[in-house]
Amino acid sequence: MKDLHNLLFTKDHEWLRIEGEYGVVGITDYAQKQLGDIVFVEIKAPGTHVPQGTSLGVIESVKSVADVYAPVSCIIHQNNEKVIQNPELVNKSPYGDGWLTRIKIESPQELKQLMTYKDYEKYISQIQSRNT
């Protein structure tokens, strides 16, 4: 598993790993568990501009279909073809081989709106306590 303390998180359960002016986006372990067995992943084509908080693509599981949202305004740079061909990688390794897309970050100031791993853990605890 990757060091989660180097990631940033959204309230929609996406994670972002910063790599200079680029970033790698995936969904969290919590999100993949909520979705169940993932059977289909579709991400917008490279070169597509995606504003912060709008859909990068969709993930379909045996239970439901969910949008994946852009953690920051970006341009899709490269999609993870392994995940497109083998969607179950998202379940097996959400922070590793199950990443979804590499993006070019357009608005670095938007990074301030994202949560640290510690903040995200607290957020998940609040969700889980509300659901019990």
Protein backbone atom coordinates (compact mmCIF):
# COMPACT_ATOMS: atom_id res chain seq x y z
CA MET A 1 0.00 0.00 0.00
CA LYS A 2 1.19 3.51 -0.77
CA ASP A 3 1.92 6.05 1.98
CA LEU A 4 -1.51 7.60 2.37
CA HIS A 5 -0.12 10.62 4.23
CA ASN A 6 1.24 11.91 0.90
CA LEU A 7 -2.24 11.99 -0.64
CA LEU A 8 -5.01 14.58 -0.62
CA PHE A 9 -8.68 13.60 -0.41
CA THR A 10 -12.14 14.86 -1.40
CA LYS A 11 -15.43 14.48 0.44
CA ASP A 12 -16.55 12.45 -2.59
CA HIS A 13 -13.86 9.84 -1.75
CA GLU A 14 -11.31 10.53 -4.47
CA TRP A 15 -7.62 10.74 -3.67
CA LEU A 16 -4.95 12.80 -5.41
CA ARG A 17 -1.19 12.25 -5.41
CA ILE A 18 0.74 15.33 -6.53
CA GLU A 19 3.58 14.79 -9.02
CA GLY A 20 4.83 18.30 -9.86
CA GLU A 21 2.25 19.97 -12.12
CA TYR A 22 0.54 16.61 -12.58
CA GLY A 23 -1.51 14.46 -10.27
CA VAL A 24 -2.74 10.88 -10.10
CA VAL A 25 -6.39 10.31 -9.16
CA GLY A 26 -8.13 7.26 -7.75
CA ILE A 27 -10.95 6.38 -5.40
CA THR A 28 -10.40 5.58 -1.76
CA ASP A 29 -10.54 2.19 -0.10
CA TYR A 30 -13.72 3.34 1.66
CA ALA A 31 -15.33 4.17 -1.71
CA GLN A 32 -14.43 0.86 -3.35
CA LYS A 33 -15.82 -1.04 -0.35
CA GLN A 34 -19.08 0.92 -0.56
CA LEU A 35 -19.37 0.20 -4.30
CA GLY A 36 -18.64 -3.52 -4.04
CA ASP A 37 -17.26 -5.55 -6.94
CA ILE A 38 -16.26 -3.09 -9.67
CA VAL A 39 -17.04 -4.34 -13.17
CA PHE A 40 -16.55 -1.28 -15.41
CA VAL A 41 -14.47 1.92 -15.41
CA GLU A 42 -14.77 4.71 -17.96
CA ILE A 43 -12.72 7.91 -17.74
CA LYS A 44 -12.97 10.88 -20.12
CA ALA A 45 -10.48 10.98 -22.98
CA PRO A 46 -7.01 12.50 -22.62
CA GLY A 47 -7.04 16.19 -23.50
CA THR A 48 -10.47 16.74 -21.91
CA HIS A 49 -10.74 19.76 -19.59
CA VAL A 50 -12.60 18.91 -16.37
CA PRO A 51 -13.54 21.63 -13.84
CA GLN A 52 -13.11 20.87 -10.14
CA GLY A 53 -16.01 18.87 -8.71
CA THR A 54 -17.36 17.69 -12.06
CA SER A 55 -17.26 14.14 -13.40
CA LEU A 56 -14.00 12.65 -14.67
CA GLY A 57 -15.82 9.45 -15.52
CA VAL A 58 -17.85 6.62 -14.02
CA ILE A 59 -17.30 3.43 -12.08
CA GLU A 60 -19.87 0.68 -12.29
CA SER A 61 -20.15 -2.08 -9.72
CA VAL A 62 -22.52 -4.97 -9.30
CA LYS A 63 -24.50 -2.69 -6.91
CA SER A 64 -24.49 0.73 -8.58
CA VAL A 65 -22.92 3.31 -10.88
CA ALA A 66 -20.95 6.21 -9.40
CA ASP A 67 -19.33 9.30 -10.85
CA VAL A 68 -15.67 10.00 -10.14
CA TYR A 69 -15.16 13.73 -9.57
CA ALA A 70 -12.17 15.91 -10.37
CA PRO A 71 -10.44 16.89 -7.12
CA VAL A 72 -9.11 20.02 -8.88
CA SER A 73 -9.65 21.63 -12.26
CA CYS A 74 -7.54 19.67 -14.70
CA ILE A 75 -6.89 18.27 -18.12
CA ILE A 76 -6.98 14.49 -18.45
CA HIS A 77 -3.44 13.45 -19.33
CA GLN A 78 -3.35 9.64 -19.27
CA ASN A 79 -5.85 7.00 -18.22
CA ASN A 80 -4.85 3.75 -16.52
CA GLU A 81 -5.47 1.23 -19.30
CA LYS A 82 -4.88 -1.67 -16.87
CA VAL A 83 -7.94 -0.54 -14.89
CA ILE A 84 -10.01 -0.07 -18.04
CA GLN A 85 -9.20 -3.67 -19.02
CA ASN A 86 -9.34 -5.07 -15.45
CA PRO A 87 -11.70 -2.93 -13.34
CA GLU A 88 -11.30 -5.26 -10.35
CA LEU A 89 -7.86 -3.68 -9.80
CA VAL A 90 -9.69 -0.79 -8.13
CA ASN A 91 -10.99 -3.23 -5.50
CA LYS A 92 -7.68 -5.03 -5.11
CA SER A 93 -5.39 -1.99 -4.97
CA PRO A 94 -7.26 1.35 -4.76
CA TYR A 95 -4.09 3.28 -3.81
CA GLY A 96 -1.72 1.34 -6.06
CA ASP A 97 -2.39 -0.36 -9.40
CA GLY A 98 -6.06 0.68 -9.20
CA TRP A 99 -5.41 4.37 -9.88
CA LEU A 100 -7.73 5.83 -12.52
CA THR A 101 -6.15 8.74 -14.35
CA ARG A 102 -3.19 11.07 -14.48
CA ILE A 103 -4.15 14.73 -14.76
CA LYS A 104 -2.46 18.06 -15.45
CA ILE A 105 -3.41 20.34 -12.56
CA GLU A 106 -4.75 23.66 -13.85
CA SER A 107 -5.52 25.45 -10.57
CA PRO A 108 -2.98 24.63 -7.85
CA GLN A 109 -4.78 26.98 -5.44
CA GLU A 110 -7.69 24.49 -5.40
CA LEU A 111 -5.44 21.98 -3.61
CA LYS A 112 -6.05 23.96 -0.41
CA GLN A 113 -9.69 22.79 -0.49
CA LEU A 114 -8.70 19.11 -0.20
CA MET A 115 -8.24 17.09 3.00
CA THR A 116 -5.11 15.50 4.39
CA TYR A 117 -5.20 11.80 5.23
CA LYS A 118 -5.73 12.61 8.91
CA ASP A 119 -8.67 14.90 8.04
CA TYR A 120 -10.12 12.28 5.70
CA GLU A 121 -9.92 9.59 8.41
CA LYS A 122 -11.85 11.90 10.75
CA TYR A 123 -14.41 12.57 8.01
CA ILE A 124 -14.93 8.82 7.42
CA SER A 125 -15.32 8.23 11.18
CA GLN A 126 -18.07 10.86 11.27
CA ILE A 127 -19.87 9.21 8.34
CA GLN A 128 -19.63 5.78 9.94
CA SER A 129 -20.88 7.01 13.33
CA ARG A 130 -23.91 8.62 11.61
CA ASN A 131 -24.68 5.33 9.88
CA THR A 132 -24.66 3.20 13.03
